[in-house]
Amino acid sequence: MPVTFTFGEMLSARSVIGSTLAELGETHPNLWVLTPDIGATLVEFRDTYPERFVDVGLAEQVCVGIAAGLAYDGNIPVVSGMLPFLSMRALEQIRTDVCYPNLPVKIIGTHGGLVGNGGSTHYAVEDLGLMCSLTNMTVTSIGDPVMVGEIIRQSMDMTGPLYIRLAVGKKDKVLYEEGQHEIRIGKGIVARDGSDVTLFTHGTTVSQALDAAEQLAEDGVSVRVVDMFTLKPIDVELIERCAAETDGRFVVLEDHLAYGGLASRIADVVADRGLRLTSFERLGIPQVYAGFGEDEQLRDKHGYGLSATVGALRRAVGPATRAGADEPAAI
């Protein structure tokens, strides 16, 4: 039985991963868990099912290759590690060993975006663009730690590969009340309804998006916040509905390069479906190596922090609400 958590509580997504995998290990005897030396939160599974736990050491390519071999033998392998290395160092193995034969390998990782203060070598900021480009890959980016457990449970029945992107995963805010939203891979969540403009986001920036919407509400601006936690396949129907119901005003906020991530995915839908928009602005990491700092500091520095988000929303809805909003746009 899944544990119940309280809305607004701070929770470790890593702990949720560990407890969920241990729970599923009992009901799925073909579940294997692998890690490239990043297994501190997998101890419960390791101790309970040591014959189905593999730590390969610091070798992401090897980890993915072994996972593919296990999948060929009818197993459900989960690879847990750090995304800067899983998404880039093991990219060839993910593409050729996992995606090409469409194997049910789950890749779960931390350090998506400018989190962890590890410097540019330890930030996964290109990862969503890379993973979305891979045939057969399903791509998710999770902001609510409780959701991680639900997504892992749903993935047990998937026949193809899955990518789950998290922040550091040590202290995350529970964003949603239990049962508040239907959580389904491939469908976005309307985290807050609104009628003037839609703010699309995912992962680490969902909480910031909700804060921005709350600030705009004080000025009478109604912001719809969409947690587009599945980037591929993207929820086309929800994008079309938001275009019609919020007067074609879109702002996209993400802790990823401004081009290649969610904003680019939505722009493709807009172009392919011929949607009529009155405004479209993307907030994300510009083409720079971001440097060191806490994640909120880096968002402000690179133009997609809370104040920049509020400014972009004001620009989207028009001059009547722009008084006092002089924040520059970020691309």
C-alpha atoms as a PDB file:
ATOM      1  CA  MET A   1       0.000   0.000   0.000  1.00  0.00           C
ATOM      2  CA  PRO A   2       1.542   3.380  -1.005  1.00  0.00           C
ATOM      3  CA  VAL A   3       2.380   5.709   1.870  1.00  0.00           C
ATOM      4  CA  THR A   4       0.296   8.870   2.161  1.00  0.00           C
ATOM      5  CA  PHE A   5       2.117  12.193   2.310  1.00  0.00           C
ATOM      6  CA  THR A   6       0.869  15.651   3.187  1.00  0.00           C
ATOM      7  CA  PHE A   7       0.480  18.470   0.645  1.00  0.00           C
ATOM      8  CA  GLY A   8       3.292  21.009   1.094  1.00  0.00           C
ATOM      9  CA  GLU A   9       5.498  18.560   3.000  1.00  0.00           C
ATOM     10  CA  MET A  10       9.176  18.323   2.065  1.00  0.00           C
ATOM     11  CA  LEU A  11      10.047  14.823   0.964  1.00  0.00           C
ATOM     12  CA  SER A  12      12.981  13.000  -0.609  1.00  0.00           C
ATOM     13  CA  ALA A  13      12.181  11.725  -4.100  1.00  0.00           C
ATOM     14  CA  ARG A  14      15.118   9.355  -3.716  1.00  0.00           C
ATOM     15  CA  SER A  15      13.457   7.766  -0.684  1.00  0.00           C
ATOM     16  CA  VAL A  16      10.245   7.336  -2.665  1.00  0.00           C
ATOM     17  CA  ILE A  17      12.203   5.605  -5.436  1.00  0.00           C
ATOM     18  CA  GLY A  18      13.866   3.267  -2.963  1.00  0.00           C
ATOM     19  CA  SER A  19      10.687   2.289  -1.135  1.00  0.00           C
ATOM     20  CA  THR A  20       8.679   1.917  -4.356  1.00  0.00           C
ATOM     21  CA  LEU A  21      11.233  -0.378  -5.970  1.00  0.00           C
ATOM     22  CA  ALA A  22      11.435  -2.484  -2.827  1.00  0.00           C
ATOM     23  CA  GLU A  23       7.638  -2.763  -2.814  1.00  0.00           C
ATOM     24  CA  LEU A  24       7.533  -3.719  -6.505  1.00  0.00           C
ATOM     25  CA  GLY A  25      10.328  -6.244  -6.066  1.00  0.00           C
ATOM     26  CA  GLU A  26       7.899  -8.490  -4.212  1.00  0.00           C
ATOM     27  CA  THR A  27       5.137  -8.371  -6.851  1.00  0.00           C
ATOM     28  CA  HIS A  28       7.495  -8.382  -9.850  1.00  0.00           C
ATOM     29  CA  PRO A  29      10.046 -11.186  -9.491  1.00  0.00           C
ATOM     30  CA  ASN A  30      11.653 -10.106 -12.780  1.00  0.00           C
ATOM     31  CA  LEU A  31      12.416  -6.578 -11.545  1.00  0.00           C
ATOM     32  CA  TRP A  32      16.130  -5.790 -11.448  1.00  0.00           C
ATOM     33  CA  VAL A  33      17.761  -2.598 -10.131  1.00  0.00           C
ATOM     34  CA  LEU A  34      21.134  -1.426 -11.416  1.00  0.00           C
ATOM     35  CA  THR A  35      23.290   1.577 -10.552  1.00  0.00           C
ATOM     36  CA  PRO A  36      26.641   3.081 -11.576  1.00  0.00           C
ATOM     37  CA  ASP A  37      27.788   3.545  -7.966  1.00  0.00           C
ATOM     38  CA  ILE A  38      24.831   5.835  -7.052  1.00  0.00           C
ATOM     39  CA  GLY A  39      22.875   3.383  -4.925  1.00  0.00           C
ATOM     40  CA  ALA A  40      22.614   4.885  -1.437  1.00  0.00           C
ATOM     41  CA  THR A  41      18.815   5.101  -1.604  1.00  0.00           C
ATOM     42  CA  LEU A  42      18.450   1.613  -3.096  1.00  0.00           C
ATOM     43  CA  VAL A  43      19.613  -0.159   0.060  1.00  0.00           C
ATOM     44  CA  GLU A  44      16.159  -1.556   0.872  1.00  0.00           C
ATOM     45  CA  PHE A  45      15.915  -3.267  -2.518  1.00  0.00           C
ATOM     46  CA  ARG A  46      19.554  -4.383  -2.399  1.00  0.00           C
ATOM     47  CA  ASP A  47      19.197  -5.957   1.039  1.00  0.00           C
ATOM     48  CA  THR A  48      15.874  -7.646   0.245  1.00  0.00           C
ATOM     49  CA  TYR A  49      16.691  -8.841  -3.271  1.00  0.00           C
ATOM     50  CA  PRO A  50      20.504  -8.957  -3.470  1.00  0.00           C
ATOM     51  CA  GLU A  51      20.377 -11.444  -6.359  1.00  0.00           C
ATOM     52  CA  ARG A  52      18.554  -8.817  -8.469  1.00  0.00           C
ATOM     53  CA  PHE A  53      20.717  -5.804  -7.577  1.00  0.00           C
ATOM     54  CA  VAL A  54      23.808  -4.827  -9.592  1.00  0.00           C
ATOM     55  CA  ASP A  55      26.249  -2.003  -8.819  1.00  0.00           C
ATOM     56  CA  VAL A  56      28.676  -1.786 -11.733  1.00  0.00           C
ATOM     57  CA  GLY A  57      30.766   1.045 -10.303  1.00  0.00           C
ATOM     58  CA  LEU A  58      31.350   4.301 -12.168  1.00  0.00           C
ATOM     59  CA  ALA A  59      30.539   2.944 -15.616  1.00  0.00           C
ATOM     60  CA  GLU A  60      27.238   4.227 -16.990  1.00  0.00           C
ATOM     61  CA  GLN A  61      27.708   2.616 -20.409  1.00  0.00           C
ATOM     62  CA  VAL A  62      28.209  -0.782 -18.806  1.00  0.00           C
ATOM     63  CA  CYS A  63      25.187  -0.273 -16.570  1.00  0.00           C
ATOM     64  CA  VAL A  64      22.893   0.431 -19.518  1.00  0.00           C
ATOM     65  CA  GLY A  65      24.358  -2.443 -21.521  1.00  0.00           C
ATOM     66  CA  ILE A  66      23.741  -4.943 -18.723  1.00  0.00           C
ATOM     67  CA  ALA A  67      20.200  -3.582 -18.306  1.00  0.00           C
ATOM     68  CA  ALA A  68      19.552  -4.186 -22.006  1.00  0.00           C
ATOM     69  CA  GLY A  69      20.814  -7.755 -21.702  1.00  0.00           C
ATOM     70  CA  LEU A  70      18.535  -8.406 -18.734  1.00  0.00           C
ATOM     71  CA  ALA A  71      15.574  -6.991 -20.657  1.00  0.00           C
ATOM     72  CA  TYR A  72      16.280  -9.335 -23.566  1.00  0.00           C
ATOM     73  CA  ASP A  73      15.907 -12.186 -21.058  1.00  0.00           C
ATOM     74  CA  GLY A  74      12.399 -11.050 -20.060  1.00  0.00           C
ATOM     75  CA  ASN A  75      13.272  -8.873 -17.078  1.00  0.00           C
ATOM     76  CA  ILE A  76      12.290  -5.308 -16.120  1.00  0.00           C
ATOM     77  CA  PRO A  77      15.540  -3.431 -15.433  1.00  0.00           C
ATOM     78  CA  VAL A  78      15.654  -0.063 -13.636  1.00  0.00           C
ATOM     79  CA  VAL A  79      18.840   1.998 -13.906  1.00  0.00           C
ATOM     80  CA  SER A  80      19.248   4.647 -11.202  1.00  0.00           C
ATOM     81  CA  GLY A  81      22.005   7.253 -11.292  1.00  0.00           C
ATOM     82  CA  MET A  82      22.966  10.824 -12.131  1.00  0.00           C
ATOM     83  CA  LEU A  83      21.447  12.148 -15.338  1.00  0.00           C
ATOM     84  CA  PRO A  84      24.364  14.288 -16.556  1.00  0.00           C
ATOM     85  CA  PHE A  85      26.256  11.031 -17.088  1.00  0.00           C
ATOM     86  CA  LEU A  86      23.421   8.642 -17.923  1.00  0.00           C
ATOM     87  CA  SER A  87      22.056  10.973 -20.604  1.00  0.00           C
ATOM     88  CA  MET A  88      25.364  11.800 -22.277  1.00  0.00           C
ATOM     89  CA  ARG A  89      28.073   9.292 -21.404  1.00  0.00           C
ATOM     90  CA  ALA A  90      25.708   6.367 -22.048  1.00  0.00           C
ATOM     91  CA  LEU A  91      23.765   7.985 -24.893  1.00  0.00           C
ATOM     92  CA  GLU A  92      24.985   5.532 -27.531  1.00  0.00           C
ATOM     93  CA  GLN A  93      24.071   2.548 -25.369  1.00  0.00           C
ATOM     94  CA  ILE A  94      20.631   3.980 -24.629  1.00  0.00           C
ATOM     95  CA  ARG A  95      20.023   4.627 -28.327  1.00  0.00           C
ATOM     96  CA  THR A  96      21.377   1.384 -29.767  1.00  0.00           C
ATOM     97  CA  ASP A  97      21.054  -1.192 -26.968  1.00  0.00           C
ATOM     98  CA  VAL A  98      17.738  -0.006 -25.466  1.00  0.00           C
ATOM     99  CA  CYS A  99      15.738   2.169 -27.865  1.00  0.00           C
ATOM    100  CA  TYR A 100      16.548   0.363 -31.115  1.00  0.00           C
ATOM    101  CA  PRO A 101      15.119  -2.985 -29.861  1.00  0.00           C
ATOM    102  CA  ASN A 102      12.467  -1.086 -27.812  1.00  0.00           C
ATOM    103  CA  LEU A 103      13.309  -2.737 -24.490  1.00  0.00           C
ATOM    104  CA  PRO A 104      11.508  -1.987 -21.187  1.00  0.00           C
ATOM    105  CA  VAL A 105      14.503  -0.367 -19.468  1.00  0.00           C
ATOM    106  CA  LYS A 106      13.658   2.419 -16.998  1.00  0.00           C
ATOM    107  CA  ILE A 107      16.268   5.158 -16.533  1.00  0.00           C
ATOM    108  CA  ILE A 108      15.701   7.169 -13.365  1.00  0.00           C
ATOM    109  CA  GLY A 109      18.067   9.939 -12.428  1.00  0.00           C
ATOM    110  CA  THR A 110      18.790  13.050 -10.429  1.00  0.00           C
ATOM    111  CA  HIS A 111      20.455  16.398 -11.151  1.00  0.00           C
ATOM    112  CA  GLY A 112      18.170  17.441 -13.979  1.00  0.00           C
ATOM    113  CA  GLY A 113      18.669  21.178 -14.548  1.00  0.00           C
ATOM    114  CA  LEU A 114      20.828  23.633 -12.601  1.00  0.00           C
ATOM    115  CA  VAL A 115      20.579  21.861  -9.264  1.00  0.00           C
ATOM    116  CA  GLY A 116      23.164  20.496  -6.867  1.00  0.00           C
ATOM    117  CA  ASN A 117      25.738  23.298  -7.278  1.00  0.00           C
ATOM    118  CA  GLY A 118      28.081  20.897  -9.032  1.00  0.00           C
ATOM    119  CA  GLY A 119      29.064  23.092 -11.965  1.00  0.00           C
ATOM    120  CA  SER A 120      28.332  22.635 -15.650  1.00  0.00           C
ATOM    121  CA  THR A 121      29.805  19.114 -15.866  1.00  0.00           C
ATOM    122  CA  HIS A 122      27.262  17.969 -13.267  1.00  0.00           C
ATOM    123  CA  TYR A 123      24.141  19.674 -14.656  1.00  0.00           C
ATOM    124  CA  ALA A 124      21.829  17.821 -17.018  1.00  0.00           C
ATOM    125  CA  VAL A 125      20.591  20.683 -19.195  1.00  0.00           C
ATOM    126  CA  GLU A 126      20.611  19.093 -22.661  1.00  0.00           C
ATOM    127  CA  ASP A 127      19.162  15.769 -21.539  1.00  0.00           C
ATOM    128  CA  LEU A 128      15.500  16.253 -22.476  1.00  0.00           C
ATOM    129  CA  GLY A 129      16.416  17.314 -26.001  1.00  0.00           C
ATOM    130  CA  LEU A 130      18.605  14.239 -26.349  1.00  0.00           C
ATOM    131  CA  MET A 131      16.092  11.793 -24.901  1.00  0.00           C
ATOM    132  CA  CYS A 132      13.119  13.205 -26.829  1.00  0.00           C
ATOM    133  CA  SER A 133      15.045  12.701 -30.057  1.00  0.00           C
ATOM    134  CA  LEU A 134      15.396   8.959 -29.450  1.00  0.00           C
ATOM    135  CA  THR A 135      12.921   6.661 -31.177  1.00  0.00           C
ATOM    136  CA  ASN A 136      10.693   4.659 -28.779  1.00  0.00           C
ATOM    137  CA  MET A 137      11.783   6.606 -25.668  1.00  0.00           C
ATOM    138  CA  THR A 138       9.108   7.946 -23.298  1.00  0.00           C
ATOM    139  CA  VAL A 139      10.383  11.062 -21.481  1.00  0.00           C
ATOM    140  CA  THR A 140       9.163  12.432 -18.145  1.00  0.00           C
ATOM    141  CA  SER A 141      10.279  15.189 -15.766  1.00  0.00           C
ATOM    142  CA  ILE A 142       8.810  14.987 -12.268  1.00  0.00           C
ATOM    143  CA  GLY A 143       8.459  17.802  -9.739  1.00  0.00           C
ATOM    144  CA  ASP A 144       6.300  16.162  -7.059  1.00  0.00           C
ATOM    145  CA  PRO A 145       8.213  13.402  -5.217  1.00  0.00           C
ATOM    146  CA  VAL A 146       5.061  11.360  -4.570  1.00  0.00           C
ATOM    147  CA  MET A 147       4.407  11.246  -8.334  1.00  0.00           C
ATOM    148  CA  VAL A 148       7.678   9.405  -8.856  1.00  0.00           C
ATOM    149  CA  GLY A 149       6.327   6.330  -7.133  1.00  0.00           C
ATOM    150  CA  GLU A 150       3.137   6.365  -9.215  1.00  0.00           C
ATOM    151  CA  ILE A 151       5.066   6.751 -12.481  1.00  0.00           C
ATOM    152  CA  ILE A 152       7.359   3.851 -11.580  1.00  0.00           C
ATOM    153  CA  ARG A 153       4.338   1.657 -10.805  1.00  0.00           C
ATOM    154  CA  GLN A 154       2.692   2.538 -14.125  1.00  0.00           C
ATOM    155  CA  SER A 155       5.926   1.836 -15.981  1.00  0.00           C
ATOM    156  CA  MET A 156       5.943  -1.813 -14.954  1.00  0.00           C
ATOM    157  CA  ASP A 157       3.463  -2.520 -17.754  1.00  0.00           C
ATOM    158  CA  MET A 158       5.321  -0.516 -20.408  1.00  0.00           C
ATOM    159  CA  THR A 159       6.889  -2.452 -23.266  1.00  0.00           C
ATOM    160  CA  GLY A 160       9.427   0.252 -24.211  1.00  0.00           C
ATOM    161  CA  PRO A 161      12.020   2.430 -22.475  1.00  0.00           C
ATOM    162  CA  LEU A 162      11.273   5.251 -20.026  1.00  0.00           C
ATOM    163  CA  TYR A 163      13.329   8.246 -18.862  1.00  0.00           C
ATOM    164  CA  ILE A 164      12.474   9.859 -15.496  1.00  0.00           C
ATOM    165  CA  ARG A 165      14.129  13.189 -14.714  1.00  0.00           C
ATOM    166  CA  LEU A 166      14.355  14.516 -11.136  1.00  0.00           C
ATOM    167  CA  ALA A 167      16.119  17.321  -9.296  1.00  0.00           C
ATOM    168  CA  VAL A 168      18.627  16.434  -6.565  1.00  0.00           C
ATOM    169  CA  GLY A 169      15.838  14.413  -4.980  1.00  0.00           C
ATOM    170  CA  LYS A 170      16.768  15.009  -1.352  1.00  0.00           C
ATOM    171  CA  LYS A 171      14.293  17.721  -0.348  1.00  0.00           C
ATOM    172  CA  ASP A 172      11.312  18.195  -2.669  1.00  0.00           C
ATOM    173  CA  LYS A 173       7.936  19.777  -1.997  1.00  0.00           C
ATOM    174  CA  VAL A 174       4.806  17.646  -2.279  1.00  0.00           C
ATOM    175  CA  LEU A 175       2.821  19.709  -4.797  1.00  0.00           C
ATOM    176  CA  TYR A 176      -0.513  17.911  -5.030  1.00  0.00           C
ATOM    177  CA  GLU A 177      -3.129  16.671  -2.623  1.00  0.00           C
ATOM    178  CA  GLU A 178      -3.690  12.929  -2.708  1.00  0.00           C
ATOM    179  CA  GLY A 179      -6.237  12.151  -5.437  1.00  0.00           C
ATOM    180  CA  GLN A 180      -6.310  15.783  -6.630  1.00  0.00           C
ATOM    181  CA  HIS A 181      -5.195  14.910 -10.172  1.00  0.00           C
ATOM    182  CA  GLU A 182      -5.170  11.882 -12.395  1.00  0.00           C
ATOM    183  CA  ILE A 183      -1.536  11.018 -12.976  1.00  0.00           C
ATOM    184  CA  ARG A 184      -1.062   9.200 -16.235  1.00  0.00           C
ATOM    185  CA  ILE A 185       2.029   8.914 -18.407  1.00  0.00           C
ATOM    186  CA  GLY A 186       1.401  10.904 -21.590  1.00  0.00           C
ATOM    187  CA  LYS A 187      -1.070  13.358 -20.030  1.00  0.00           C
ATOM    188  CA  GLY A 188      -0.291  16.747 -18.516  1.00  0.00           C
ATOM    189  CA  ILE A 189      -1.737  18.073 -15.257  1.00  0.00           C
ATOM    190  CA  VAL A 190      -3.579  21.380 -14.907  1.00  0.00           C
ATOM    191  CA  ALA A 191      -1.917  22.238 -11.609  1.00  0.00           C
ATOM    192  CA  ARG A 192      -3.830  25.525 -11.371  1.00  0.00           C
ATOM    193  CA  ASP A 193      -6.651  26.584 -13.641  1.00  0.00           C
ATOM    194  CA  GLY A 194      -6.804  29.993 -15.276  1.00  0.00           C
ATOM    195  CA  SER A 195      -8.206  31.774 -18.303  1.00  0.00           C
ATOM    196  CA  ASP A 196      -5.838  34.617 -19.291  1.00  0.00           C
ATOM    197  CA  VAL A 197      -2.568  32.819 -20.090  1.00  0.00           C
ATOM    198  CA  THR A 198      -1.120  29.299 -19.872  1.00  0.00           C
ATOM    199  CA  LEU A 199       2.203  28.743 -18.138  1.00  0.00           C
ATOM    200  CA  PHE A 200       3.633  25.357 -19.173  1.00  0.00           C
ATOM    201  CA  THR A 201       6.353  23.875 -16.997  1.00  0.00           C
ATOM    202  CA  HIS A 202       7.767  20.630 -15.634  1.00  0.00           C
ATOM    203  CA  GLY A 203       9.981  19.201 -12.933  1.00  0.00           C
ATOM    204  CA  THR A 204      11.916  21.576 -10.711  1.00  0.00           C
ATOM    205  CA  THR A 205      10.107  24.726 -11.887  1.00  0.00           C
ATOM    206  CA  VAL A 206       6.495  23.666 -11.194  1.00  0.00           C
ATOM    207  CA  SER A 207       6.622  25.132  -7.688  1.00  0.00           C
ATOM    208  CA  GLN A 208       8.044  28.397  -9.055  1.00  0.00           C
ATOM    209  CA  ALA A 209       5.301  28.518 -11.701  1.00  0.00           C
ATOM    210  CA  LEU A 210       2.615  28.168  -9.034  1.00  0.00           C
ATOM    211  CA  ASP A 211       4.225  30.989  -7.035  1.00  0.00           C
ATOM    212  CA  ALA A 212       4.240  33.223 -10.122  1.00  0.00           C
ATOM    213  CA  ALA A 213       0.579  32.470 -10.785  1.00  0.00           C
ATOM    214  CA  GLU A 214      -0.265  33.389  -7.205  1.00  0.00           C
ATOM    215  CA  GLN A 215       1.493  36.753  -7.592  1.00  0.00           C
ATOM    216  CA  LEU A 216      -0.406  37.518 -10.806  1.00  0.00           C
ATOM    217  CA  ALA A 217      -3.695  36.580  -9.152  1.00  0.00           C
ATOM    218  CA  GLU A 218      -3.212  39.493  -6.745  1.00  0.00           C
ATOM    219  CA  ASP A 219      -3.444  41.799  -9.793  1.00  0.00           C
ATOM    220  CA  GLY A 220      -6.482  40.031 -11.211  1.00  0.00           C
ATOM    221  CA  VAL A 221      -4.575  38.020 -13.840  1.00  0.00           C
ATOM    222  CA  SER A 222      -5.746  34.408 -14.150  1.00  0.00           C
ATOM    223  CA  VAL A 223      -2.818  32.099 -14.927  1.00  0.00           C
ATOM    224  CA  ARG A 224      -3.292  28.463 -15.877  1.00  0.00           C
ATOM    225  CA  VAL A 225      -0.309  26.372 -14.777  1.00  0.00           C
ATOM    226  CA  VAL A 226       0.207  23.123 -16.683  1.00  0.00           C
ATOM    227  CA  ASP A 227       2.609  20.551 -15.289  1.00  0.00           C
ATOM    228  CA  MET A 228       3.623  18.883 -18.564  1.00  0.00           C
ATOM    229  CA  PHE A 229       5.496  16.130 -16.777  1.00  0.00           C
ATOM    230  CA  THR A 230       5.478  13.920 -19.868  1.00  0.00           C
ATOM    231  CA  LEU A 231       7.386  15.586 -22.699  1.00  0.00           C
ATOM    232  CA  LYS A 232       7.169  12.578 -24.988  1.00  0.00           C
ATOM    233  CA  PRO A 233       4.549  11.628 -25.957  1.00  0.00           C
ATOM    234  CA  ILE A 234       3.308  15.148 -25.328  1.00  0.00           C
ATOM    235  CA  ASP A 235      -0.319  15.882 -24.487  1.00  0.00           C
ATOM    236  CA  VAL A 236      -1.409  17.437 -27.785  1.00  0.00           C
ATOM    237  CA  GLU A 237      -5.079  17.637 -26.773  1.00  0.00           C
ATOM    238  CA  LEU A 238      -4.229  19.659 -23.660  1.00  0.00           C
ATOM    239  CA  ILE A 239      -2.052  22.085 -25.654  1.00  0.00           C
ATOM    240  CA  GLU A 240      -4.871  22.611 -28.149  1.00  0.00           C
ATOM    241  CA  ARG A 241      -7.361  23.160 -25.342  1.00  0.00           C
ATOM    242  CA  CYS A 242      -5.112  25.692 -23.602  1.00  0.00           C
ATOM    243  CA  ALA A 243      -4.646  27.628 -26.852  1.00  0.00           C
ATOM    244  CA  ALA A 244      -8.413  27.895 -27.230  1.00  0.00           C
ATOM    245  CA  GLU A 245      -9.233  28.612 -23.572  1.00  0.00           C
ATOM    246  CA  THR A 246      -6.458  31.105 -22.692  1.00  0.00           C
ATOM    247  CA  ASP A 247      -6.657  33.290 -25.807  1.00  0.00           C
ATOM    248  CA  GLY A 248      -3.575  31.771 -27.436  1.00  0.00           C
ATOM    249  CA  ARG A 249      -1.189  33.105 -24.780  1.00  0.00           C
ATOM    250  CA  PHE A 250       1.637  30.708 -23.904  1.00  0.00           C
ATOM    251  CA  VAL A 251       4.661  31.021 -21.624  1.00  0.00           C
ATOM    252  CA  VAL A 252       6.966  28.028 -21.163  1.00  0.00           C
ATOM    253  CA  LEU A 253       9.233  27.770 -18.120  1.00  0.00           C
ATOM    254  CA  GLU A 254      11.816  25.020 -17.695  1.00  0.00           C
ATOM    255  CA  ASP A 255      15.118  24.217 -16.023  1.00  0.00           C
ATOM    256  CA  HIS A 256      16.680  23.115 -19.320  1.00  0.00           C
ATOM    257  CA  LEU A 257      18.170  24.826 -22.335  1.00  0.00           C
ATOM    258  CA  ALA A 258      15.519  27.201 -23.671  1.00  0.00           C
ATOM    259  CA  TYR A 259      15.697  25.464 -27.038  1.00  0.00           C
ATOM    260  CA  GLY A 260      15.395  21.698 -27.339  1.00  0.00           C
ATOM    261  CA  GLY A 261      13.185  20.990 -24.323  1.00  0.00           C
ATOM    262  CA  LEU A 262       9.504  21.490 -23.531  1.00  0.00           C
ATOM    263  CA  ALA A 263       9.213  24.854 -25.307  1.00  0.00           C
ATOM    264  CA  SER A 264      10.460  23.294 -28.525  1.00  0.00           C
ATOM    265  CA  ARG A 265       8.091  20.356 -28.126  1.00  0.00           C
ATOM    266  CA  ILE A 266       5.134  22.720 -27.691  1.00  0.00           C
ATOM    267  CA  ALA A 267       6.283  24.910 -30.583  1.00  0.00           C
ATOM    268  CA  ASP A 268       6.263  21.816 -32.804  1.00  0.00           C
ATOM    269  CA  VAL A 269       2.655  21.085 -31.827  1.00  0.00           C
ATOM    270  CA  VAL A 270       1.673  24.700 -32.505  1.00  0.00           C
ATOM    271  CA  ALA A 271       3.251  24.581 -35.968  1.00  0.00           C
ATOM    272  CA  ASP A 272       2.050  21.091 -36.879  1.00  0.00           C
ATOM    273  CA  ARG A 273      -1.526  21.726 -35.757  1.00  0.00           C
ATOM    274  CA  GLY A 274      -1.711  25.290 -37.069  1.00  0.00           C
ATOM    275  CA  LEU A 275      -2.703  26.697 -33.687  1.00  0.00           C
ATOM    276  CA  ARG A 276      -3.284  30.439 -33.522  1.00  0.00           C
ATOM    277  CA  LEU A 277      -1.317  32.063 -30.703  1.00  0.00           C
ATOM    278  CA  THR A 278      -1.230  35.714 -29.715  1.00  0.00           C
ATOM    279  CA  SER A 279       1.976  35.330 -27.673  1.00  0.00           C
ATOM    280  CA  PHE A 280       4.643  32.699 -27.048  1.00  0.00           C
ATOM    281  CA  GLU A 281       7.624  33.167 -24.749  1.00  0.00           C
ATOM    282  CA  ARG A 282      10.144  30.600 -23.548  1.00  0.00           C
ATOM    283  CA  LEU A 283      12.046  30.895 -20.275  1.00  0.00           C
ATOM    284  CA  GLY A 284      15.017  28.609 -19.789  1.00  0.00           C
ATOM    285  CA  ILE A 285      18.782  28.382 -19.824  1.00  0.00           C
ATOM    286  CA  PRO A 286      20.440  30.418 -22.592  1.00  0.00           C
ATOM    287  CA  GLN A 287      23.347  29.030 -24.613  1.00  0.00           C
ATOM    288  CA  VAL A 288      25.873  29.323 -21.788  1.00  0.00           C
ATOM    289  CA  TYR A 289      27.656  27.049 -19.356  1.00  0.00           C
ATOM    290  CA  ALA A 290      25.875  28.152 -16.226  1.00  0.00           C
ATOM    291  CA  GLY A 291      28.636  28.056 -13.605  1.00  0.00           C
ATOM    292  CA  PHE A 292      28.290  27.504  -9.878  1.00  0.00           C
ATOM    293  CA  GLY A 293      25.562  28.610  -7.478  1.00  0.00           C
ATOM    294  CA  GLU A 294      22.333  27.565  -5.842  1.00  0.00           C
ATOM    295  CA  ASP A 295      19.563  26.758  -8.289  1.00  0.00           C
ATOM    296  CA  GLU A 296      17.398  29.785  -7.452  1.00  0.00           C
ATOM    297  CA  GLN A 297      20.402  32.093  -7.827  1.00  0.00           C
ATOM    298  CA  LEU A 298      21.268  30.575 -11.182  1.00  0.00           C
ATOM    299  CA  ARG A 299      17.689  30.912 -12.446  1.00  0.00           C
ATOM    300  CA  ASP A 300      17.710  34.599 -11.563  1.00  0.00           C
ATOM    301  CA  LYS A 301      21.165  35.061 -13.099  1.00  0.00           C
ATOM    302  CA  HIS A 302      20.161  33.434 -16.378  1.00  0.00           C
ATOM    303  CA  GLY A 303      16.764  35.075 -16.714  1.00  0.00           C
ATOM    304  CA  TYR A 304      14.192  32.446 -15.763  1.00  0.00           C
ATOM    305  CA  GLY A 305      13.711  32.982 -12.046  1.00  0.00           C
ATOM    306  CA  LEU A 306      10.510  33.976 -10.302  1.00  0.00           C
ATOM    307  CA  SER A 307      10.646  37.681 -11.186  1.00  0.00           C
ATOM    308  CA  ALA A 308      11.394  36.896 -14.839  1.00  0.00           C
ATOM    309  CA  THR A 309       8.480  34.472 -14.911  1.00  0.00           C
ATOM    310  CA  VAL A 310       6.118  37.094 -13.530  1.00  0.00           C
ATOM    311  CA  GLY A 311       7.403  39.584 -16.114  1.00  0.00           C
ATOM    312  CA  ALA A 312       6.875  37.150 -18.989  1.00  0.00           C
ATOM    313  CA  LEU A 313       3.318  36.452 -17.882  1.00  0.00           C
ATOM    314  CA  ARG A 314       2.578  40.174 -17.709  1.00  0.00           C
ATOM    315  CA  ARG A 315       3.921  40.674 -21.203  1.00  0.00           C
ATOM    316  CA  ALA A 316       1.802  37.796 -22.454  1.00  0.00           C
ATOM    317  CA  VAL A 317      -1.476  39.229 -21.205  1.00  0.00           C
ATOM    318  CA  GLY A 318      -0.778  42.750 -22.453  1.00  0.00           C
ATOM    319  CA  PRO A 319       0.008  46.323 -21.413  1.00  0.00           C
ATOM    320  CA  ALA A 320      -2.886  46.615 -18.994  1.00  0.00           C
ATOM    321  CA  THR A 321      -1.133  44.377 -16.489  1.00  0.00           C
ATOM    322  CA  ARG A 322       2.477  45.285 -17.183  1.00  0.00           C
ATOM    323  CA  ALA A 323       2.847  48.183 -14.799  1.00  0.00           C
ATOM    324  CA  GLY A 324       5.920  47.639 -12.681  1.00  0.00           C
ATOM    325  CA  ALA A 325       7.094  44.600 -14.643  1.00  0.00           C
ATOM    326  CA  ASP A 326      10.409  45.607 -16.178  1.00  0.00           C
ATOM    327  CA  GLU A 327      12.072  42.216 -16.035  1.00  0.00           C
ATOM    328  CA  PRO A 328      13.797  41.283 -19.292  1.00  0.00           C
ATOM    329  CA  ALA A 329      12.713  38.260 -21.283  1.00  0.00           C
ATOM    330  CA  ALA A 330      15.052  35.284 -21.395  1.00  0.00           C
ATOM    331  CA  ILE A 331      15.801  33.148 -24.420  1.00  0.00           C
END
